[in-house]
């Protein structure tokens, strides 16, 4: 499945299972070295998001969890696409 198909299926699923506005939980893993965590956090500035981070036991990766209130499935997907621009990020 390519990226475009993934986002289409995700939008359909979100619209079928979620009542918006809602609090949505994002989870990402990013290399600890570099500015990935800061870039991810910057995408959610001024949105009232609750952001938590945890560095892996070896210090190689950092997990980033973001709980934020969003208005639509389109907004959820838009944030995934923004975060996808961060080098080395894995969306869970």
Foldseek 3Di string as FASTA:
>chain_A
DDPVVVLVVQQVVCVVPHDPQDKDKWKKKAFQPDCLVVQLVVLCPPQPKDWDWDADPVRGMIMIMIIGGDGGSVVVVVSVVSSVVRPRMDID
